[in-house]
């Protein structure tokens, strides 16, 4: 259900862009029946709003999570499942190969993602690499402060003791931040939606964007 809606939304955005450029006379997706679900459409934030959001979160210990979400389009479950071994700092790439979530109060982790190929590599900008390295330094400092109580599980986004963060935690942080900034109420998924919208505006093909 979720995969269908995501693909339909990305395809529709791409076709709307083609119509705006006079490549198509109309968007054929307008005649495609959509599955019932969330009736309120997700509206991408502007780049100015994204900058405000990231500035608001810049001193937070998990700032890198939101920076990655805004600059890679990775899903929340994919981000909370990331380990340091998934990053190649030399090549500036990030491997997405797992997803974490919560079901009936219990955390779970799967070796596959919503992407049908199961794994994908994302190129990272120099700014993103810098944010990740700063996050790593912060984590190493926390490791030194807590000493033997640190549980080295290899995750990028952890609690203060090294264990992975609750998969739902970023949602509540995001909601608090947009409330403080008086930004339009949207789900956390709007960060991915905004990233996809910007890629489409830059001229990248919809079938490439729909990863």
Protein backbone atom coordinates (compact mmCIF):
# COMPACT_ATOMS: atom_id res chain seq x y z
CA UNK A 1 0.00 0.00 0.00
CA UNK A 2 2.70 2.44 1.05
CA UNK A 3 4.97 1.52 -1.88
CA UNK A 4 2.10 1.94 -4.35
CA UNK A 5 1.27 5.40 -3.00
CA UNK A 6 4.92 6.51 -2.99
CA UNK A 7 5.50 5.40 -6.60
CA UNK A 8 2.22 6.97 -7.73
CA UNK A 9 3.10 10.27 -6.04
CA UNK A 10 6.61 10.42 -7.55
CA UNK A 11 5.30 9.53 -11.01
CA UNK A 12 2.54 12.13 -10.73
CA UNK A 13 5.03 14.83 -9.69
CA UNK A 14 7.26 13.94 -12.63
CA UNK A 15 4.37 14.08 -15.09
CA UNK A 16 3.18 17.41 -13.65
CA UNK A 17 6.67 18.75 -14.24
CA UNK A 18 6.54 17.48 -17.85
CA UNK A 19 3.20 19.26 -18.33
CA UNK A 20 4.65 22.50 -16.94
CA UNK A 21 7.46 22.24 -19.51
CA UNK A 22 4.92 21.60 -22.26
CA UNK A 23 6.31 18.12 -22.90
CA UNK A 24 2.87 16.62 -22.23
CA UNK A 25 -0.61 18.00 -22.80
CA UNK A 26 -1.94 16.63 -19.50
CA UNK A 27 -1.02 14.37 -16.60
CA UNK A 28 -2.40 10.87 -17.34
CA UNK A 29 -2.09 9.99 -13.64
CA UNK A 30 -5.14 12.18 -13.04
CA UNK A 31 -7.28 9.33 -14.39
CA UNK A 32 -5.60 6.61 -12.34
CA UNK A 33 -7.57 5.38 -9.35
CA UNK A 34 -5.66 5.91 -6.10
CA UNK A 35 -5.81 3.68 -3.05
CA UNK A 36 -7.69 5.09 -0.11
CA UNK A 37 -5.59 6.36 2.77
CA UNK A 38 -4.25 9.74 3.79
CA UNK A 39 -6.48 12.28 2.05
CA UNK A 40 -4.35 15.30 2.85
CA UNK A 41 -1.50 15.53 0.34
CA UNK A 42 2.06 16.07 1.53
CA UNK A 43 3.26 19.47 0.36
CA UNK A 44 7.01 19.92 0.07
CA UNK A 45 8.67 22.57 2.20
CA UNK A 46 10.58 25.36 0.52
CA UNK A 47 14.36 25.43 0.74
CA UNK A 48 14.08 28.39 3.10
CA UNK A 49 11.86 26.34 5.42
CA UNK A 50 14.30 23.44 5.30
CA UNK A 51 17.14 25.81 6.24
CA UNK A 52 15.09 27.13 9.16
CA UNK A 53 14.40 23.59 10.32
CA UNK A 54 18.02 22.47 10.14
CA UNK A 55 19.17 25.63 11.89
CA UNK A 56 16.69 24.91 14.69
CA UNK A 57 18.12 21.40 15.07
CA UNK A 58 21.79 22.29 14.53
CA UNK A 59 22.78 21.93 18.20
CA UNK A 60 20.83 18.73 18.76
CA UNK A 61 22.89 15.56 19.19
CA UNK A 62 21.05 13.84 16.34
CA UNK A 63 21.24 16.79 13.96
CA UNK A 64 23.00 14.57 11.39
CA UNK A 65 19.87 12.43 11.11
CA UNK A 66 17.79 15.34 9.87
CA UNK A 67 20.58 16.66 7.66
CA UNK A 68 20.81 13.25 5.97
CA UNK A 69 17.04 13.04 5.61
CA UNK A 70 16.97 16.42 3.87
CA UNK A 71 19.99 15.84 1.63
CA UNK A 72 19.64 12.16 0.66
CA UNK A 73 15.89 11.50 0.70
CA UNK A 74 16.47 8.34 2.76
CA UNK A 75 13.47 7.10 4.73
CA UNK A 76 13.31 7.27 8.52
CA UNK A 77 13.54 3.47 8.89
CA UNK A 78 16.57 3.36 6.61
CA UNK A 79 18.36 6.12 8.52
CA UNK A 80 17.87 4.66 12.00
CA UNK A 81 19.22 1.32 10.71
CA UNK A 82 22.48 2.83 9.42
CA UNK A 83 25.81 1.65 10.76
CA UNK A 84 29.20 3.27 10.35
CA UNK A 85 30.20 0.36 8.13
CA UNK A 86 27.61 1.60 5.62
CA UNK A 87 29.62 4.77 4.98
CA UNK A 88 32.63 5.01 2.71
CA UNK A 89 34.19 8.35 3.58
CA UNK A 90 36.84 8.02 0.85
CA UNK A 91 34.31 7.52 -1.94
CA UNK A 92 31.72 9.71 -0.20
CA UNK A 93 28.98 7.11 -0.53
CA UNK A 94 26.30 5.72 1.76
CA UNK A 95 24.87 2.20 1.41
CA UNK A 96 21.19 1.73 2.22
CA UNK A 97 20.54 -1.94 2.94
CA UNK A 98 18.39 -2.22 6.07
CA UNK A 99 15.37 -0.69 7.71
CA UNK A 100 14.32 -0.47 11.35
CA UNK A 101 10.89 0.17 12.76
CA UNK A 102 8.53 -0.47 15.63
CA UNK A 103 5.54 -2.81 15.60
CA UNK A 104 3.21 -3.25 18.58
CA UNK A 105 5.81 -1.66 20.86
CA UNK A 106 8.68 -3.89 19.69
CA UNK A 107 11.64 -2.71 17.61
CA UNK A 108 12.52 -4.74 14.53
CA UNK A 109 15.16 -4.64 11.82
CA UNK A 110 14.94 -6.06 8.31
CA UNK A 111 17.69 -6.70 5.77
CA UNK A 112 15.61 -5.33 2.92
CA UNK A 113 14.17 -1.90 2.20
CA UNK A 114 11.13 -0.73 0.25
CA UNK A 115 13.37 -0.50 -2.80
CA UNK A 116 12.84 -3.68 -4.84
CA UNK A 117 16.58 -4.10 -5.35
CA UNK A 118 17.05 -4.28 -1.60
CA UNK A 119 20.19 -2.12 -1.49
CA UNK A 120 21.30 1.13 -3.06
CA UNK A 121 24.25 3.47 -2.81
CA UNK A 122 23.84 7.22 -2.38
CA UNK A 123 26.51 9.76 -3.24
CA UNK A 124 27.19 12.22 -0.43
CA UNK A 125 28.10 15.87 -0.79
CA UNK A 126 31.16 17.25 0.97
CA UNK A 127 28.86 19.12 3.37
CA UNK A 128 27.06 15.89 4.26
CA UNK A 129 30.36 14.09 4.84
CA UNK A 130 31.41 16.94 7.13
CA UNK A 131 28.20 16.68 9.15
CA UNK A 132 28.65 12.91 9.52
CA UNK A 133 32.26 13.27 10.65
CA UNK A 134 31.22 15.87 13.23
CA UNK A 135 28.52 13.47 14.42
CA UNK A 136 31.11 10.71 14.70
CA UNK A 137 33.32 12.94 16.82
CA UNK A 138 30.38 13.73 19.09
CA UNK A 139 29.62 10.03 19.43
CA UNK A 140 33.27 9.23 20.26
CA UNK A 141 33.13 11.87 23.00
CA UNK A 142 29.99 10.27 24.43
CA UNK A 143 31.74 6.90 24.30
CA UNK A 144 34.67 8.29 26.31
CA UNK A 145 32.40 9.92 28.88
CA UNK A 146 30.33 6.81 29.53
CA UNK A 147 33.28 4.42 29.53
CA UNK A 148 32.55 0.71 30.02
CA UNK A 149 28.81 1.32 29.95
CA UNK A 150 29.02 2.05 26.22
CA UNK A 151 27.49 -0.70 24.07
CA UNK A 152 29.31 -0.72 20.76
CA UNK A 153 26.71 -1.90 18.25
CA UNK A 154 28.04 0.09 15.31
CA UNK A 155 24.97 2.26 14.75
CA UNK A 156 25.31 5.83 13.53
CA UNK A 157 22.29 7.16 15.41
CA UNK A 158 22.33 5.99 19.00
CA UNK A 159 21.25 6.77 22.51
CA UNK A 160 23.92 8.07 24.90
CA UNK A 161 24.94 4.46 25.73
CA UNK A 162 25.54 3.34 22.14
CA UNK A 163 22.30 1.42 21.65
CA UNK A 164 20.20 2.37 18.61
CA UNK A 165 17.64 5.14 19.01
CA UNK A 166 13.95 4.36 19.18
CA UNK A 167 12.72 4.30 15.54
CA UNK A 168 9.90 6.70 16.44
CA UNK A 169 12.12 9.27 18.20
CA UNK A 170 12.92 11.41 15.10
CA UNK A 171 9.20 11.88 14.45
CA UNK A 172 8.62 13.55 17.82
CA UNK A 173 11.74 15.72 17.50
CA UNK A 174 10.60 16.84 14.05
CA UNK A 175 7.07 17.64 15.23
CA UNK A 176 8.41 19.71 18.13
CA UNK A 177 10.74 21.65 15.83
CA UNK A 178 8.13 22.56 13.21
CA UNK A 179 5.76 23.66 15.98
CA UNK A 180 8.44 25.97 17.43
CA UNK A 181 9.06 27.41 13.95
CA UNK A 182 5.36 27.69 13.07
CA UNK A 183 5.94 25.63 9.95
CA UNK A 184 3.05 23.92 8.20
CA UNK A 185 2.14 20.68 9.96
CA UNK A 186 3.44 17.80 7.84
CA UNK A 187 4.63 14.25 8.56
CA UNK A 188 8.37 13.55 8.86
CA UNK A 189 8.15 11.99 5.38
CA UNK A 190 7.91 15.54 3.99
CA UNK A 191 11.72 15.73 4.18
CA UNK A 192 12.02 12.91 1.62
CA UNK A 193 9.17 14.42 -0.37
CA UNK A 194 10.96 17.78 -0.48
CA UNK A 195 14.22 16.16 -1.57
CA UNK A 196 12.44 14.32 -4.41
CA UNK A 197 10.71 17.52 -5.50
CA UNK A 198 14.04 19.36 -5.70
CA UNK A 199 15.59 16.52 -7.74
CA UNK A 200 12.72 16.67 -10.21
CA UNK A 201 13.07 20.45 -10.47
CA UNK A 202 16.75 19.99 -11.25
CA UNK A 203 15.83 17.86 -14.27
CA UNK A 204 16.58 14.37 -12.97
CA UNK A 205 14.39 11.70 -14.56
CA UNK A 206 11.42 10.50 -12.41
CA UNK A 207 12.33 6.81 -12.81
CA UNK A 208 15.77 7.56 -11.32
CA UNK A 209 14.30 9.65 -8.50
CA UNK A 210 11.83 6.90 -7.48
CA UNK A 211 14.36 4.89 -5.50
